Amino acid sequence: MLLFTRRWDEPFVDEVIMRGEADATACRYRLAGDADRSDRRDCVWYSDGSVVEVVDKIIFHLPHPARPEAPKLVIPTPGSLLLSPGARAKVRA
């Protein structure tokens, strides 16, 4: 169930998907013509956890997309390989 989305002026959108109280995902996507929001490979940042944990991270800890420290790059990975959110946060545009 999609809990909420927030679209920014820049080409980014945040969303939180809830599968249960203890199972949710928060993602920030860089919008592009071929972006697939159902696939984490198009995320610049994501976090898994409980609803409270991921909402706290995306609202209170993830920097505004216009700030220099905000993640901006989609890191392509082969197949279903996913990089951890920490690895993604260290890459800057």
C-alpha atoms as a PDB file:
ATOM      1  CA  MET A   1       0.000   0.000   0.000  1.00  0.00           C
ATOM      2  CA  LEU A   2       1.389   3.387  -0.968  1.00  0.00           C
ATOM      3  CA  LEU A   3       1.417   5.452   2.224  1.00  0.00           C
ATOM      4  CA  PHE A   4       2.507   8.789   0.738  1.00  0.00           C
ATOM      5  CA  THR A   5       4.472  10.521  -1.996  1.00  0.00           C
ATOM      6  CA  ARG A   6       6.181  13.897  -2.048  1.00  0.00           C
ATOM      7  CA  ARG A   7       7.244  15.466  -5.312  1.00  0.00           C
ATOM      8  CA  TRP A   8      10.011  18.061  -5.287  1.00  0.00           C
ATOM      9  CA  ASP A   9      10.574  20.953  -7.695  1.00  0.00           C
ATOM     10  CA  GLU A  10      13.743  19.198  -8.800  1.00  0.00           C
ATOM     11  CA  PRO A  11      13.370  15.908 -10.697  1.00  0.00           C
ATOM     12  CA  PHE A  12      12.878  13.865  -7.518  1.00  0.00           C
ATOM     13  CA  VAL A  13       9.986  12.174  -5.765  1.00  0.00           C
ATOM     14  CA  ASP A  14       9.905  10.539  -2.324  1.00  0.00           C
ATOM     15  CA  GLU A  15       7.510   7.760  -1.437  1.00  0.00           C
ATOM     16  CA  VAL A  16       6.770   5.352   1.375  1.00  0.00           C
ATOM     17  CA  ILE A  17       5.278   1.936   0.699  1.00  0.00           C
ATOM     18  CA  MET A  18       3.809   0.018   3.623  1.00  0.00           C
ATOM     19  CA  ARG A  19       3.336  -3.740   3.543  1.00  0.00           C
ATOM     20  CA  GLY A  20       2.691  -3.974   7.284  1.00  0.00           C
ATOM     21  CA  GLU A  21       3.441  -2.009  10.462  1.00  0.00           C
ATOM     22  CA  ALA A  22       6.889  -3.607  10.718  1.00  0.00           C
ATOM     23  CA  ASP A  23       7.549  -3.840   6.959  1.00  0.00           C
ATOM     24  CA  ALA A  24       7.884  -0.646   4.924  1.00  0.00           C
ATOM     25  CA  THR A  25      10.192   0.949   2.368  1.00  0.00           C
ATOM     26  CA  ALA A  26      11.004   4.617   1.811  1.00  0.00           C
ATOM     27  CA  CYS A  27      12.555   5.603  -1.534  1.00  0.00           C
ATOM     28  CA  ARG A  28      13.731   8.715  -3.341  1.00  0.00           C
ATOM     29  CA  TYR A  29      13.598   8.416  -7.112  1.00  0.00           C
ATOM     30  CA  ARG A  30      15.196  10.611  -9.718  1.00  0.00           C
ATOM     31  CA  LEU A  31      12.429  11.081 -12.263  1.00  0.00           C
ATOM     32  CA  ALA A  32      13.355  10.306 -15.835  1.00  0.00           C
ATOM     33  CA  GLY A  33      11.430   9.169 -18.865  1.00  0.00           C
ATOM     34  CA  ASP A  34      12.458   5.548 -18.352  1.00  0.00           C
ATOM     35  CA  ALA A  35      12.383   5.453 -14.521  1.00  0.00           C
ATOM     36  CA  ASP A  36      10.562   2.449 -13.112  1.00  0.00           C
ATOM     37  CA  ARG A  37       9.332   3.317  -9.632  1.00  0.00           C
ATOM     38  CA  SER A  38       8.532  -0.330  -8.956  1.00  0.00           C
ATOM     39  CA  ASP A  39      12.237  -1.199  -9.210  1.00  0.00           C
ATOM     40  CA  ARG A  40      14.756  -0.093  -6.560  1.00  0.00           C
ATOM     41  CA  ARG A  41      17.440   0.131  -9.233  1.00  0.00           C
ATOM     42  CA  ASP A  42      15.918   3.543 -10.100  1.00  0.00           C
ATOM     43  CA  CYS A  43      16.277   4.837  -6.513  1.00  0.00           C
ATOM     44  CA  VAL A  44      18.933   7.302  -5.420  1.00  0.00           C
ATOM     45  CA  TRP A  45      18.181   6.390  -1.781  1.00  0.00           C
ATOM     46  CA  TYR A  46      16.044   3.839   0.031  1.00  0.00           C
ATOM     47  CA  SER A  47      15.492   2.490   3.513  1.00  0.00           C
ATOM     48  CA  ASP A  48      13.692  -0.634   4.739  1.00  0.00           C
ATOM     49  CA  GLY A  49      12.238  -1.068   8.216  1.00  0.00           C
ATOM     50  CA  SER A  50       9.101  -0.386  10.196  1.00  0.00           C
ATOM     51  CA  VAL A  51       6.737   2.380   9.106  1.00  0.00           C
ATOM     52  CA  VAL A  52       7.916   4.606  11.965  1.00  0.00           C
ATOM     53  CA  GLU A  53      11.615   4.052  11.120  1.00  0.00           C
ATOM     54  CA  VAL A  54      11.386   4.741   7.384  1.00  0.00           C
ATOM     55  CA  VAL A  55       9.058   7.743   7.741  1.00  0.00           C
ATOM     56  CA  ASP A  56      11.436   9.223  10.326  1.00  0.00           C
ATOM     57  CA  LYS A  57      14.416   8.746   7.987  1.00  0.00           C
ATOM     58  CA  ILE A  58      12.795  10.158   4.849  1.00  0.00           C
ATOM     59  CA  ILE A  59      11.193  13.169   6.542  1.00  0.00           C
ATOM     60  CA  PHE A  60      13.700  14.129   9.227  1.00  0.00           C
ATOM     61  CA  HIS A  61      17.078  12.762   8.086  1.00  0.00           C
ATOM     62  CA  LEU A  62      17.186  12.632   4.280  1.00  0.00           C
ATOM     63  CA  PRO A  63      18.416  16.027   3.022  1.00  0.00           C
ATOM     64  CA  HIS A  64      16.332  18.134   0.643  1.00  0.00           C
ATOM     65  CA  PRO A  65      17.303  17.203  -2.947  1.00  0.00           C
ATOM     66  CA  ALA A  66      18.742  20.681  -3.580  1.00  0.00           C
ATOM     67  CA  ARG A  67      21.258  20.377  -0.725  1.00  0.00           C
ATOM     68  CA  PRO A  68      24.796  19.326  -1.727  1.00  0.00           C
ATOM     69  CA  GLU A  69      24.845  16.342   0.649  1.00  0.00           C
ATOM     70  CA  ALA A  70      21.633  14.830  -0.762  1.00  0.00           C
ATOM     71  CA  PRO A  71      22.002  11.659  -2.846  1.00  0.00           C
ATOM     72  CA  LYS A  72      21.494  12.408  -6.542  1.00  0.00           C
ATOM     73  CA  LEU A  73      22.866   9.540  -8.614  1.00  0.00           C
ATOM     74  CA  VAL A  74      21.089   6.382  -9.635  1.00  0.00           C
ATOM     75  CA  ILE A  75      23.744   3.684  -9.387  1.00  0.00           C
ATOM     76  CA  PRO A  76      23.048   0.992 -11.973  1.00  0.00           C
ATOM     77  CA  THR A  77      23.729  -2.517 -10.748  1.00  0.00           C
ATOM     78  CA  PRO A  78      23.600  -5.784 -12.682  1.00  0.00           C
ATOM     79  CA  GLY A  79      20.575  -8.011 -12.238  1.00  0.00           C
ATOM     80  CA  SER A  80      19.050  -7.905  -8.787  1.00  0.00           C
ATOM     81  CA  LEU A  81      22.223  -6.737  -7.013  1.00  0.00           C
ATOM     82  CA  LEU A  82      21.350  -3.886  -4.634  1.00  0.00           C
ATOM     83  CA  LEU A  83      23.829  -1.589  -2.961  1.00  0.00           C
ATOM     84  CA  SER A  84      23.231  -0.740   0.661  1.00  0.00           C
ATOM     85  CA  PRO A  85      21.839   2.748   1.397  1.00  0.00           C
ATOM     86  CA  GLY A  86      25.173   3.634   3.045  1.00  0.00           C
ATOM     87  CA  ALA A  87      27.089   2.803  -0.119  1.00  0.00           C
ATOM     88  CA  ARG A  88      24.727   4.923  -2.186  1.00  0.00           C
ATOM     89  CA  ALA A  89      24.959   7.898   0.166  1.00  0.00           C
ATOM     90  CA  LYS A  90      28.750   8.103  -0.309  1.00  0.00           C
ATOM     91  CA  VAL A  91      28.447   8.695  -4.073  1.00  0.00           C
ATOM     92  CA  ARG A  92      28.057  12.357  -5.057  1.00  0.00           C
ATOM     93  CA  ALA A  93      27.064  13.962  -8.333  1.00  0.00           C
END
